[in-house]
Amino acid sequence: MTLGVVMLVHTAFDRAEQMIRHWAAAGCPVVVHVDKNVGQATHDAFVAALADLADVSFSRRYRGEWGMWGLIAASQAASRQLLDRHPDIQHVYLASGACLPLRPVAALKAYLATRPETDFIESVTTSDVKWTVGGLDRERFTLRFPFSWKRQRRLFDGYVRLQRLLRMRRRIPAGITPHLGSQWWCLTRQTLTAILDDPRRAAFDSYFRQVWIPDECYYQTLARLHTRRLESRSLTLAKFDFQGKPHIFYDDHAELLARSGCFVARKIWPQAKALYHRFPGEAQPEHCAQEPHTGTIDRIFAQAVDRRTIGRRGLYMQSRFPFMDRENGFTAVPYTVLQGFDDIIPDLAGWLTAQTGVIAHGHLFATDKAHFAGGAAVYRGGLSANARLRDYNAKMFLTNLVWNGRDQHQCFQFGPADSQAIKWMLAKDPQASVWVVTGAWAVPLFRSGRSASAVRAEAARLQQVESGFINALRSSDARSRRHIMTLAEFLGSPVDVLQAITGDMVGHRAKALSRPPVMVDLDGFAAFLQDLKNQGMHPYLAGEFAPGDAVKSTRPPPRKAYVIDRK
C-alpha cells in the first residue's frame, strides 16, 4: 500500500528537512505546508534544500495561528494536492515538522495495509471528554470566535461575555454531531476525499471557521459522516499538560518512547540529538503488527499532571506554591498535639520518648522560643528555635517541621500561653491528632504558690484563649482528629487516656501501661479552684471539683528504711 504524508512546518527547518527525507526515503509522497508567518527568504531556502526529492511538493501557504481556521485551510490545501498528484495513495497521515517516527515507516505501512478501510482519528463527543481547557466545551460550537485567543485576548473574552449576556447561540448544521479529538490523524483516501468533496462543504467550512480551535473538531466531526470504520485514537503520541499545552520530549524520554510502541511522537525538542539518532528503530518483522500501547506513558504523564497541579502532600516549593486552602494537605504525615498534659506530667516528653520512641518536642510555639526535642537550637531542615523567625510564618514552620521529620512520628506540646497563630491550622489539618485536657493551665497557677486573687486575671485570660481554641476544634471546618476532655475527666482515668494516646501514636507497637507516669502533687487543688470562683473567676473548663475532694498524687511512695540486725 502507499502512504502519503501532509506535513505542517513553521520552525526548526533543519529537523523538518530531516523528517521529510525520512518519509520520502520510505516511499511516502509528502506535501509540505510552510506557515505564511515564515519569511519568504527562509521559505525559498527550505524549498531549494528539498528540490532533489521528486515526490516532495509544497502547497499554498496559509497563516496557521493557534486556535484559528488557518490550520484547517492549510491541511485542506495540502491534502487536496496530495490526493490529486498521487492517485495510488490509500492512507494520508497528518504530521508536523516536530514529529518523529519511533518505528520504521515500513511497520506503519504494514499495519495500515491490514486495515485498509480504517480511519485513525480521535473523535469523541463533548460530553465524553474532560480535557477541554478554558471552560469552553459545548460553547465552542454554539458561540462565535472571530478573535485570536492569543493575540486578542481582551476582545476574545469580551465577545464571549457579550454573547452569553445576549444569549446568542449558533445553529449547528443539520446532520452533524460535534466531536473533539487530537488534530493528528491518519485517514483513508475514501474518507478524506469525501470530506473535501462533500456537497455541503461550503456550509460546513463557514460554520467551523468560527468555532474555537477548529483543528480539534473539523475532521473529528466530519469523519463520522463518511467513515466506513473509525477507530477513535491517534497513531501519533502527543501528550498535553494541565493547561492544554503540548509536552515536549527530550533525550531523557528515550526509554519511555521506546516502550510506548507508538509509530510517531510529537512534540520533539529540536536539540534532542539522542532521540533523532536513536529513532526510528530497526525494522523487526515480528513487530510490524504490534499495537501501540500507551498505558505506561499515560500513567506517567497522569502522575506528572497530578504532581504539577496537586503536588506532594505537605510539601510547598517555589515552583508550585498553591493558594490558601487549596493545598494538597497542610502537612505530610500524621502528628500529635498535646495540650495540658505537660502541666500535669512534668517529664511528659521524656516519658513519651521512652514509652513510644516518637520525637517528643516541648512547646514549639512558646513565646520565648521553639522548644525542640532534646533542647536543640536548630532542627532538621535548618529550622531555627528563634521565636521571631518562627512567627514570621507559623504555618510554614509547622509544615516544614512535619515534612523534615516525616520518617518518624512527632508530637509537640501546645497551650493557651503559646502563640495561637496555628490554632486554625491544627483544627483543619486532617493529619493532626489533637488531645486536649481543658483547664490544665490552672495547675501551674496553683503550684506557683500565689493566692487566687493574684492569679485571677491570668486564669481568666488563659481560659478565654483556650476556649477560642476549643471552639476552633469544634467548628464545622475542623478536620483534625480531636479528643477533648476536662481536667477532672482526665484525672478520673489517666491510664486509659495515656494508653489511647500512645496507641494513636504508634499503633500496635504501644506498650501496655500498668500505671500512669509521675504526676504533680495536686493536694489542695480543689480548694484553689473554689478560691478562684470566690474571686469571681469561674474555671469551668477544668471540670467539677468539690471543695472537699482530695486529688491524689501519683508520686511513688518514699522508700522504707530497713534496719539490718548484725547480731
Protein backbone atom coordinates (compact mmCIF):
# COMPACT_ATOMS: atom_id res chain seq x y z
CA MET A 1 0.00 0.00 0.00
CA THR A 2 1.01 3.63 -0.43
CA LEU A 3 1.04 6.08 2.46
CA GLY A 4 1.01 9.82 1.81
CA VAL A 5 2.10 12.46 4.33
CA VAL A 6 0.87 16.00 4.83
CA MET A 7 3.41 17.91 6.92
CA LEU A 8 2.81 21.28 8.59
CA VAL A 9 6.05 23.20 9.19
CA HIS A 10 6.67 26.56 10.83
CA THR A 11 10.02 26.26 12.64
CA ALA A 12 13.14 24.09 13.11
CA PHE A 13 13.54 23.65 9.36
CA ASP A 14 16.68 21.53 9.65
CA ARG A 15 14.77 18.90 11.64
CA ALA A 16 11.77 19.21 9.34
CA GLU A 17 14.02 18.55 6.33
CA GLN A 18 15.47 15.50 8.09
CA MET A 19 11.96 14.10 8.72
CA ILE A 20 10.78 14.83 5.17
CA ARG A 21 13.73 12.95 3.76
CA HIS A 22 12.98 10.06 6.11
CA TRP A 23 9.35 9.79 4.93
CA ALA A 24 10.38 10.17 1.29
CA ALA A 25 13.11 7.52 1.58
CA ALA A 26 10.44 5.09 2.77
CA GLY A 27 8.44 5.72 -0.42
CA CYS A 28 5.89 8.16 1.01
CA PRO A 29 4.88 11.15 -1.12
CA VAL A 30 4.99 14.29 1.04
CA VAL A 31 3.19 17.61 0.62
CA VAL A 32 4.62 20.32 2.85
CA HIS A 33 2.79 23.38 4.10
CA VAL A 34 5.04 26.17 5.34
CA ASP A 35 3.34 28.68 7.60
CA LYS A 36 2.76 32.05 5.98
CA ASN A 37 4.31 33.73 9.02
CA VAL A 38 7.67 32.32 7.89
CA GLY A 39 9.74 34.82 5.92
CA GLN A 40 9.95 34.40 2.16
CA ALA A 41 13.73 34.00 2.17
CA THR A 42 13.53 31.19 4.73
CA HIS A 43 10.75 29.53 2.77
CA ASP A 44 12.66 29.69 -0.52
CA ALA A 45 15.81 28.27 1.06
CA PHE A 46 13.78 25.41 2.55
CA VAL A 47 12.17 24.63 -0.81
CA ALA A 48 15.55 24.69 -2.54
CA ALA A 49 17.04 22.31 0.05
CA LEU A 50 14.42 19.69 -0.85
CA ALA A 51 14.41 20.23 -4.61
CA ASP A 52 16.15 16.90 -5.22
CA LEU A 53 13.15 14.90 -3.93
CA ALA A 54 10.69 14.22 -6.75
CA ASP A 55 7.78 13.18 -4.52
CA VAL A 56 8.02 16.19 -2.22
CA SER A 57 5.96 19.25 -3.11
CA PHE A 58 4.81 22.44 -1.38
CA SER A 59 1.21 23.62 -1.05
CA ARG A 60 -0.37 27.05 -0.95
CA ARG A 61 0.57 28.87 2.25
CA TYR A 62 -1.83 29.97 4.98
CA ARG A 63 -1.30 31.71 8.29
CA GLY A 64 -1.52 28.90 10.82
CA GLU A 65 -2.38 30.69 14.06
CA TRP A 66 -3.24 28.55 17.08
CA GLY A 67 -6.97 28.06 17.54
CA MET A 68 -7.87 29.67 14.20
CA TRP A 69 -9.09 28.44 10.83
CA GLY A 70 -5.71 28.72 9.07
CA LEU A 71 -4.57 25.29 10.25
CA ILE A 72 -7.63 23.65 8.67
CA ALA A 73 -7.20 25.61 5.43
CA ALA A 74 -3.55 24.52 5.30
CA SER A 75 -4.36 20.82 5.79
CA GLN A 76 -7.21 21.02 3.25
CA ALA A 77 -4.98 22.54 0.56
CA ALA A 78 -2.11 20.11 1.22
CA SER A 79 -4.44 17.09 1.34
CA ARG A 80 -6.11 18.05 -1.93
CA GLN A 81 -2.74 18.45 -3.63
CA LEU A 82 -1.52 15.11 -2.28
CA LEU A 83 -4.64 13.22 -3.43
CA ASP A 84 -4.64 14.81 -6.88
CA ARG A 85 -0.96 14.16 -7.58
CA HIS A 86 -0.81 10.64 -6.17
CA PRO A 87 -3.92 8.62 -7.09
CA ASP A 88 -2.46 5.40 -5.64
CA ILE A 89 -2.40 6.68 -2.06
CA GLN A 90 -4.59 4.68 0.32
CA HIS A 91 -3.96 6.50 3.63
CA VAL A 92 -2.98 10.08 4.39
CA TYR A 93 -1.01 10.81 7.57
CA LEU A 94 -1.07 14.33 9.04
CA ALA A 95 2.23 15.21 10.75
CA SER A 96 4.24 18.24 11.74
CA GLY A 97 7.89 19.18 11.44
CA ALA A 98 8.25 18.34 15.15
CA CYS A 99 7.01 14.76 14.68
CA LEU A 100 9.50 11.90 14.93
CA PRO A 101 8.75 8.35 13.69
CA LEU A 102 9.56 5.94 16.50
CA ARG A 103 9.14 2.78 14.44
CA PRO A 104 10.16 2.20 10.82
CA VAL A 105 7.75 3.60 8.25
CA ALA A 106 7.59 0.07 6.79
CA ALA A 107 5.99 -1.10 10.05
CA LEU A 108 3.40 1.67 9.81
CA LYS A 109 2.64 0.76 6.21
CA ALA A 110 2.26 -2.91 7.09
CA TYR A 111 -0.03 -2.01 9.97
CA LEU A 112 -2.26 0.12 7.74
CA ALA A 113 -2.25 -2.50 4.96
CA THR A 114 -4.09 -4.89 7.25
CA ARG A 115 -6.67 -2.15 7.97
CA PRO A 116 -7.31 -0.65 4.51
CA GLU A 117 -10.72 0.81 5.40
CA THR A 118 -9.94 2.07 8.90
CA ASP A 119 -9.65 5.76 9.80
CA PHE A 120 -7.50 6.56 12.83
CA ILE A 121 -8.71 9.81 14.37
CA GLU A 122 -9.59 10.62 17.95
CA SER A 123 -13.27 11.58 17.86
CA VAL A 124 -15.43 11.87 20.97
CA THR A 125 -18.44 14.00 21.89
CA THR A 126 -18.05 16.98 24.22
CA SER A 127 -19.93 15.16 26.96
CA ASP A 128 -17.32 12.39 26.96
CA VAL A 129 -14.15 14.46 27.30
CA LYS A 130 -12.78 16.02 30.47
CA TRP A 131 -9.64 17.54 28.99
CA THR A 132 -11.10 20.70 27.44
CA VAL A 133 -9.31 23.68 28.99
CA GLY A 134 -10.66 27.18 29.43
CA GLY A 135 -14.29 26.48 30.37
CA LEU A 136 -15.44 26.04 26.74
CA ASP A 137 -16.71 22.64 25.63
CA ARG A 138 -20.23 22.79 24.22
CA GLU A 139 -19.99 26.58 23.87
CA ARG A 140 -17.16 26.33 21.39
CA PHE A 141 -19.79 25.07 18.94
CA THR A 142 -22.63 27.46 19.82
CA LEU A 143 -20.74 30.78 20.09
CA ARG A 144 -18.64 32.64 17.53
CA PHE A 145 -14.89 33.12 17.96
CA PRO A 146 -13.63 35.56 15.34
CA PHE A 147 -10.82 36.88 17.55
CA SER A 148 -7.50 35.27 18.34
CA TRP A 149 -7.26 33.92 21.86
CA LYS A 150 -3.51 34.57 21.93
CA ARG A 151 -3.23 37.94 20.17
CA GLN A 152 -6.61 39.49 21.02
CA ARG A 153 -7.36 38.08 24.43
CA ARG A 154 -9.42 41.04 25.67
CA LEU A 155 -11.54 41.05 22.53
CA PHE A 156 -11.88 37.27 22.73
CA ASP A 157 -13.06 37.30 26.35
CA GLY A 158 -15.24 40.38 25.87
CA TYR A 159 -17.04 38.94 22.87
CA VAL A 160 -17.67 35.65 24.68
CA ARG A 161 -19.18 37.56 27.63
CA LEU A 162 -21.32 39.65 25.28
CA GLN A 163 -22.72 36.57 23.52
CA ARG A 164 -23.50 34.96 26.87
CA LEU A 165 -25.19 38.15 28.08
CA LEU A 166 -27.32 38.42 24.95
CA ARG A 167 -27.91 34.65 24.92
CA MET A 168 -26.66 34.38 21.37
CA ARG A 169 -26.48 30.85 20.01
CA ARG A 170 -25.29 29.49 16.68
CA ARG A 171 -27.21 26.79 14.91
CA ILE A 172 -25.16 23.62 14.42
CA PRO A 173 -25.54 22.40 10.81
CA ALA A 174 -28.11 19.67 10.45
CA GLY A 175 -26.83 16.14 10.22
CA ILE A 176 -23.66 16.51 12.28
CA THR A 177 -22.85 15.99 15.94
CA PRO A 178 -19.78 17.95 17.07
CA HIS A 179 -16.85 15.75 18.11
CA LEU A 180 -13.46 16.61 19.59
CA GLY A 181 -10.05 14.97 19.45
CA SER A 182 -6.38 15.22 18.66
CA GLN A 183 -5.58 17.11 15.44
CA TRP A 184 -3.11 14.42 14.32
CA TRP A 185 -4.96 11.88 12.24
CA CYS A 186 -4.48 9.18 9.61
CA LEU A 187 -7.47 8.95 7.24
CA THR A 188 -8.23 6.67 4.33
CA ARG A 189 -8.33 8.14 0.86
CA GLN A 190 -12.08 7.49 0.66
CA THR A 191 -12.90 9.35 3.89
CA LEU A 192 -10.60 12.30 3.21
CA THR A 193 -11.88 12.67 -0.36
CA ALA A 194 -15.46 12.55 0.86
CA ILE A 195 -14.75 15.33 3.37
CA LEU A 196 -13.07 17.54 0.77
CA ASP A 197 -15.73 16.86 -1.92
CA ASP A 198 -18.76 16.98 0.35
CA PRO A 199 -21.59 18.93 -1.39
CA ARG A 200 -22.16 20.78 1.88
CA ARG A 201 -18.51 21.60 2.43
CA ALA A 202 -19.04 25.34 1.95
CA ALA A 203 -21.67 25.35 4.73
CA PHE A 204 -19.50 23.19 6.99
CA ASP A 205 -16.43 25.37 6.40
CA SER A 206 -18.43 28.51 7.09
CA TYR A 207 -19.63 27.05 10.37
CA PHE A 208 -16.32 25.64 11.59
CA ARG A 209 -14.44 28.78 10.57
CA GLN A 210 -15.68 30.48 13.74
CA VAL A 211 -15.67 27.66 16.26
CA TRP A 212 -12.91 27.65 18.84
CA ILE A 213 -9.87 25.56 17.90
CA PRO A 214 -11.33 24.07 14.69
CA ASP A 215 -8.35 21.74 14.13
CA GLU A 216 -9.59 19.73 17.14
CA CYS A 217 -13.13 19.31 15.82
CA TYR A 218 -13.39 19.76 12.00
CA TYR A 219 -12.08 16.42 10.76
CA GLN A 220 -13.12 14.75 14.00
CA THR A 221 -16.75 15.67 13.31
CA LEU A 222 -16.92 15.23 9.52
CA ALA A 223 -15.07 11.90 9.54
CA ARG A 224 -18.08 10.49 11.38
CA LEU A 225 -20.27 11.26 8.33
CA HIS A 226 -18.14 9.45 5.77
CA THR A 227 -16.09 6.77 7.51
CA ARG A 228 -16.55 3.07 6.86
CA ARG A 229 -14.72 2.11 10.02
CA LEU A 230 -13.34 4.57 12.54
CA GLU A 231 -11.02 3.87 15.46
CA SER A 232 -11.16 6.77 17.87
CA ARG A 233 -7.44 7.06 18.54
CA SER A 234 -4.43 8.73 17.02
CA LEU A 235 -1.38 6.86 15.80
CA THR A 236 0.69 9.86 16.90
CA LEU A 237 1.74 10.03 20.53
CA ALA A 238 1.01 13.58 21.69
CA LYS A 239 0.67 14.44 25.38
CA PHE A 240 -0.65 17.66 26.85
CA ASP A 241 -0.17 19.32 30.24
CA PHE A 242 -2.89 20.60 32.55
CA GLN A 243 -3.01 23.90 30.63
CA GLY A 244 -3.60 22.18 27.31
CA LYS A 245 -0.06 22.84 26.07
CA PRO A 246 1.83 20.01 24.36
CA HIS A 247 4.52 18.24 26.32
CA ILE A 248 7.96 18.38 24.71
CA PHE A 249 10.01 15.21 24.58
CA TYR A 250 13.72 15.41 25.38
CA ASP A 251 16.64 12.98 25.26
CA ASP A 252 15.86 11.56 28.67
CA HIS A 253 12.46 10.39 27.38
CA ALA A 254 14.10 7.88 25.02
CA GLU A 255 13.28 4.74 27.01
CA LEU A 256 9.75 5.90 27.65
CA LEU A 257 9.13 6.50 23.95
CA ALA A 258 10.65 3.14 23.04
CA ARG A 259 8.29 1.30 25.40
CA SER A 260 5.23 3.09 24.04
CA GLY A 261 5.22 1.14 20.78
CA CYS A 262 3.77 4.19 19.01
CA PHE A 263 4.54 4.86 15.37
CA VAL A 264 5.12 8.62 15.68
CA ALA A 265 5.65 11.02 18.58
CA ARG A 266 5.42 14.77 18.93
CA LYS A 267 6.47 17.29 20.10
CA ILE A 268 10.23 16.59 19.90
CA TRP A 269 12.74 19.19 21.04
CA PRO A 270 14.84 20.17 18.01
CA GLN A 271 18.06 19.77 20.02
CA ALA A 272 17.22 16.25 21.23
CA LYS A 273 20.11 14.70 19.29
CA ALA A 274 19.91 11.37 21.09
CA LEU A 275 16.26 10.93 20.09
CA TYR A 276 16.89 11.78 16.46
CA HIS A 277 19.87 9.42 16.45
CA ARG A 278 18.03 6.52 18.06
CA PHE A 279 14.69 6.71 16.25
CA PRO A 280 13.23 5.24 14.20
CA GLY A 281 14.44 1.83 15.31
CA GLU A 282 15.47 -1.04 13.10
CA ALA A 283 12.73 -2.91 11.26
CA GLN A 284 11.70 -6.11 13.04
CA PRO A 285 9.22 -8.26 11.05
CA GLU A 286 7.61 -9.63 14.19
CA HIS A 287 6.92 -6.09 15.40
CA CYS A 288 5.13 -4.89 12.27
CA ALA A 289 1.71 -5.86 13.58
CA GLN A 290 2.41 -4.73 17.16
CA GLU A 291 -0.29 -2.50 18.57
CA PRO A 292 0.78 0.79 20.14
CA HIS A 293 0.43 0.51 23.90
CA THR A 294 0.48 3.83 25.69
CA GLY A 295 -0.66 2.62 29.10
CA THR A 296 2.70 3.14 30.78
CA ILE A 297 3.33 6.55 29.30
CA ASP A 298 -0.25 7.63 30.03
CA ARG A 299 0.18 6.70 33.69
CA ILE A 300 3.48 8.55 33.95
CA PHE A 301 2.08 11.70 32.39
CA ALA A 302 -1.05 11.49 34.53
CA GLN A 303 1.20 11.31 37.59
CA ALA A 304 3.18 14.28 36.29
CA VAL A 305 -0.02 16.30 35.90
CA ASP A 306 -1.08 15.37 39.44
CA ARG A 307 2.35 16.29 40.77
CA ARG A 308 2.20 19.64 38.95
CA THR A 309 -1.35 20.56 39.89
CA ILE A 310 -1.78 18.88 43.28
CA GLY A 311 1.80 18.36 44.44
CA ARG A 312 3.05 16.15 47.21
CA ARG A 313 1.13 16.20 50.46
CA GLY A 314 2.55 18.70 52.87
CA LEU A 315 5.27 20.00 50.53
CA TYR A 316 5.46 23.60 49.37
CA MET A 317 8.08 24.74 46.91
CA GLN A 318 8.92 27.74 44.76
CA SER A 319 7.72 26.05 41.57
CA ARG A 320 4.29 25.14 43.00
CA PHE A 321 3.08 27.33 45.83
CA PRO A 322 -0.72 26.91 46.00
CA PHE A 323 -3.38 29.38 47.00
CA MET A 324 -4.58 29.36 50.58
CA ASP A 325 -6.96 26.48 51.34
CA ARG A 326 -6.13 24.80 48.01
CA GLU A 327 -3.18 22.84 49.30
CA ASN A 328 -2.84 19.10 48.98
CA GLY A 329 -2.92 18.80 52.73
CA PHE A 330 -1.26 21.18 55.18
CA THR A 331 1.27 18.60 56.32
CA ALA A 332 2.92 15.47 55.01
CA VAL A 333 2.29 12.81 57.67
CA PRO A 334 0.27 12.37 60.87
CA TYR A 335 1.49 14.07 64.04
CA THR A 336 0.18 14.58 67.56
CA VAL A 337 -0.57 17.73 69.54
CA LEU A 338 -0.90 17.51 73.31
CA GLN A 339 -2.41 20.36 75.29
CA GLY A 340 -2.46 20.42 79.07
CA PHE A 341 -0.73 17.10 79.68
CA ASP A 342 2.68 18.57 80.48
CA ASP A 343 1.07 20.76 83.16
CA ILE A 344 0.14 17.55 84.96
CA ILE A 345 3.08 15.31 83.97
CA PRO A 346 6.36 17.24 84.41
CA ASP A 347 8.55 14.88 82.36
CA LEU A 348 5.99 14.22 79.64
CA ALA A 349 8.43 14.44 76.69
CA GLY A 350 10.91 12.05 78.29
CA TRP A 351 8.18 9.61 79.26
CA LEU A 352 6.67 9.61 75.74
CA THR A 353 10.04 9.02 74.11
CA ALA A 354 10.82 6.13 76.46
CA GLN A 355 7.33 4.65 76.09
CA THR A 356 6.85 5.00 72.30
CA GLY A 357 10.09 6.12 70.66
CA VAL A 358 8.42 9.12 69.00
CA ILE A 359 10.09 12.51 68.65
CA ALA A 360 8.58 14.45 71.55
CA HIS A 361 9.04 18.20 71.31
CA GLY A 362 8.19 20.67 74.01
CA HIS A 363 6.16 23.81 73.37
CA LEU A 364 7.09 24.63 69.78
CA PHE A 365 5.08 27.85 69.86
CA ALA A 366 6.10 29.15 73.26
CA THR A 367 6.61 32.90 73.42
CA ASP A 368 10.35 32.67 74.17
CA LYS A 369 11.41 30.11 71.53
CA ALA A 370 10.57 26.82 69.86
CA HIS A 371 11.40 24.04 72.30
CA PHE A 372 12.67 21.30 70.02
CA ALA A 373 13.22 17.76 71.25
CA GLY A 374 16.48 17.48 73.18
CA GLY A 375 16.70 21.27 73.51
CA ALA A 376 18.19 21.70 70.02
CA ALA A 377 18.66 25.26 68.75
CA VAL A 378 18.28 24.15 65.13
CA TYR A 379 16.10 21.29 63.94
CA ARG A 380 16.05 19.30 60.72
CA GLY A 381 15.88 21.37 57.59
CA GLY A 382 17.59 24.31 59.27
CA LEU A 383 14.56 25.29 61.34
CA SER A 384 15.63 27.78 63.98
CA ALA A 385 14.27 27.87 67.50
CA ASN A 386 14.16 31.68 67.26
CA ALA A 387 10.62 32.85 68.06
CA ARG A 388 10.68 35.79 65.61
CA LEU A 389 11.72 33.57 62.71
CA ARG A 390 9.10 31.01 63.65
CA ASP A 391 6.31 33.56 63.97
CA TYR A 392 7.10 35.18 60.61
CA ASN A 393 5.10 32.31 59.08
CA ALA A 394 3.96 29.94 61.80
CA LYS A 395 2.01 27.74 59.41
CA MET A 396 5.03 27.12 57.19
CA PHE A 397 7.15 26.50 60.27
CA LEU A 398 4.90 23.61 61.31
CA THR A 399 4.58 22.33 57.73
CA ASN A 400 8.37 22.24 57.33
CA LEU A 401 8.84 20.64 60.74
CA VAL A 402 6.50 17.77 59.85
CA TRP A 403 7.96 17.38 56.34
CA ASN A 404 11.57 17.28 57.53
CA GLY A 405 10.77 14.75 60.25
CA ARG A 406 8.32 12.65 58.26
CA ASP A 407 10.34 9.47 58.79
CA GLN A 408 9.27 9.41 62.47
CA HIS A 409 6.09 10.27 64.31
CA GLN A 410 6.34 13.65 66.01
CA CYS A 411 4.38 15.23 68.78
CA PHE A 412 4.60 18.59 70.50
CA GLN A 413 3.02 20.45 73.40
CA PHE A 414 0.60 23.31 72.93
CA GLY A 415 -1.26 25.52 75.35
CA PRO A 416 -3.10 28.80 75.86
CA ALA A 417 0.13 30.51 76.91
CA ASP A 418 1.63 29.80 73.47
CA SER A 419 1.24 31.74 70.24
CA GLN A 420 -2.19 30.89 68.79
CA ALA A 421 -1.28 31.61 65.15
CA ILE A 422 -1.70 27.96 64.18
CA LYS A 423 -4.89 27.12 66.03
CA TRP A 424 -7.00 27.03 62.86
CA MET A 425 -4.37 25.01 61.08
CA LEU A 426 -4.47 22.45 63.88
CA ALA A 427 -8.24 22.40 63.65
CA LYS A 428 -8.37 21.96 59.85
CA ASP A 429 -5.41 19.64 59.29
CA PRO A 430 -6.60 16.02 58.85
CA GLN A 431 -3.08 14.82 59.72
CA ALA A 432 -3.26 16.33 63.22
CA SER A 433 -4.37 14.30 66.22
CA VAL A 434 -5.15 16.85 68.92
CA TRP A 435 -5.54 15.77 72.56
CA VAL A 436 -6.69 18.47 74.96
CA VAL A 437 -7.10 18.46 78.72
CA THR A 438 -9.08 21.62 79.28
CA GLY A 439 -8.40 23.65 82.40
CA ALA A 440 -4.94 22.15 82.95
CA TRP A 441 -3.49 25.68 82.75
CA ALA A 442 -4.81 26.11 86.30
CA VAL A 443 -2.28 23.59 87.64
CA PRO A 444 0.86 25.78 87.16
CA LEU A 445 -1.04 28.71 88.71
CA PHE A 446 -1.93 26.54 91.69
CA ARG A 447 1.67 25.34 92.08
CA SER A 448 3.08 28.87 91.82
CA GLY A 449 2.13 29.44 95.46
CA ARG A 450 0.34 32.69 94.69
CA SER A 451 -3.11 33.40 96.01
CA ALA A 452 -6.23 33.03 93.90
CA SER A 453 -6.72 36.81 93.88
CA ALA A 454 -3.22 37.31 92.46
CA VAL A 455 -3.69 34.87 89.58
CA ARG A 456 -7.36 35.54 88.83
CA ALA A 457 -6.70 37.82 85.83
CA GLU A 458 -4.16 35.43 84.34
CA ALA A 459 -6.52 32.49 84.84
CA ALA A 460 -9.31 34.35 83.08
CA ARG A 461 -7.02 35.20 80.15
CA LEU A 462 -5.79 31.61 79.75
CA GLN A 463 -9.33 30.24 79.94
CA GLN A 464 -10.50 32.69 77.26
CA VAL A 465 -7.65 31.72 74.92
CA GLU A 466 -8.25 28.01 75.48
CA SER A 467 -11.97 28.48 74.89
CA GLY A 468 -11.18 30.04 71.49
CA PHE A 469 -9.02 27.03 70.57
CA ILE A 470 -11.73 24.58 71.64
CA ASN A 471 -14.28 26.48 69.54
CA ALA A 472 -11.96 26.18 66.53
CA LEU A 473 -11.58 22.43 67.11
CA ARG A 474 -15.35 22.03 67.30
CA SER A 475 -16.16 24.23 64.30
CA SER A 476 -17.77 22.86 61.15
CA ASP A 477 -14.50 23.49 59.28
CA ALA A 478 -12.44 21.30 61.60
CA ARG A 479 -10.95 18.15 60.05
CA SER A 480 -8.38 17.11 62.62
CA ARG A 481 -8.89 14.18 64.99
CA ARG A 482 -9.97 15.87 68.20
CA HIS A 483 -10.02 14.37 71.69
CA ILE A 484 -11.21 16.88 74.28
CA MET A 485 -11.70 16.21 77.99
CA THR A 486 -11.74 18.26 81.15
CA LEU A 487 -9.02 18.04 83.77
CA ALA A 488 -11.43 16.29 86.11
CA GLU A 489 -12.23 13.69 83.48
CA PHE A 490 -8.55 13.02 82.78
CA LEU A 491 -7.69 12.63 86.47
CA GLY A 492 -10.54 10.14 86.76
CA SER A 493 -8.81 7.64 84.42
CA PRO A 494 -5.33 8.84 83.41
CA VAL A 495 -4.06 5.36 82.46
CA ASP A 496 -6.84 4.85 79.92
CA VAL A 497 -6.23 8.26 78.30
CA LEU A 498 -2.46 7.86 78.11
CA GLN A 499 -2.84 4.34 76.72
CA ALA A 500 -5.11 5.73 74.00
CA ILE A 501 -2.58 8.45 73.19
CA THR A 502 0.34 6.06 72.84
CA GLY A 503 -1.80 3.71 70.78
CA ASP A 504 -2.78 6.59 68.49
CA MET A 505 0.88 7.46 68.01
CA VAL A 506 2.46 4.09 67.33
CA GLY A 507 -0.45 1.69 66.91
CA HIS A 508 0.16 -1.91 67.86
CA ARG A 509 3.71 -1.10 68.98
CA ALA A 510 2.40 0.78 72.01
CA LYS A 511 3.36 -0.72 75.34
CA ALA A 512 0.68 -1.63 77.83
CA LEU A 513 0.52 0.80 80.77
CA SER A 514 0.07 -0.56 84.25
CA ARG A 515 0.23 2.86 85.89
CA PRO A 516 0.50 6.46 84.73
CA PRO A 517 3.78 8.37 84.82
CA VAL A 518 4.62 10.54 87.80
CA MET A 519 2.20 13.46 88.02
CA VAL A 520 2.34 16.64 90.07
CA ASP A 521 1.01 16.76 93.62
CA LEU A 522 -2.50 18.24 93.43
CA ASP A 523 -3.37 18.17 97.12
CA GLY A 524 -5.41 21.33 97.77
CA PHE A 525 -6.14 21.94 94.08
CA ALA A 526 -9.90 21.68 94.54
CA ALA A 527 -9.77 24.35 97.23
CA PHE A 528 -7.71 26.57 94.90
CA LEU A 529 -10.36 26.32 92.19
CA GLN A 530 -13.02 27.23 94.72
CA ASP A 531 -10.98 30.29 95.74
CA LEU A 532 -10.90 31.35 92.07
CA LYS A 533 -14.67 31.08 91.99
CA ASN A 534 -14.86 33.13 95.18
CA GLN A 535 -12.77 35.83 93.45
CA GLY A 536 -15.32 35.97 90.62
CA MET A 537 -13.47 33.82 88.09
CA HIS A 538 -15.23 30.57 87.17
CA PRO A 539 -12.72 27.94 85.90
CA TYR A 540 -15.44 25.90 84.17
CA LEU A 541 -13.03 24.29 81.67
CA ALA A 542 -11.32 22.38 84.50
CA GLY A 543 -14.46 20.36 85.21
CA GLU A 544 -16.18 19.71 88.50
CA PHE A 545 -14.04 19.57 91.64
CA ALA A 546 -15.87 19.67 95.00
CA PRO A 547 -14.01 21.73 97.62
CA GLY A 548 -13.61 18.74 99.90
CA ASP A 549 -12.31 16.40 97.18
CA ALA A 550 -8.82 15.06 97.62
CA VAL A 551 -6.88 14.92 94.34
CA LYS A 552 -4.46 12.06 94.68
CA SER A 553 -0.83 12.38 93.69
CA THR A 554 0.90 9.66 91.72
CA ARG A 555 4.29 10.31 93.19
CA PRO A 556 5.86 6.99 94.19
CA PRO A 557 5.74 6.43 97.95
CA PRO A 558 9.01 7.04 99.81
CA ARG A 559 11.19 4.00 100.29
CA LYS A 560 11.05 2.43 103.73
CA ALA A 561 14.19 2.35 105.82
CA TYR A 562 15.44 -1.13 106.50
CA VAL A 563 17.41 -1.93 109.64
CA ILE A 564 19.65 -4.92 109.40
CA ASP A 565 20.38 -6.68 112.66
CA ARG A 566 24.06 -7.64 112.69
CA LYS A 567 23.94 -9.70 115.86
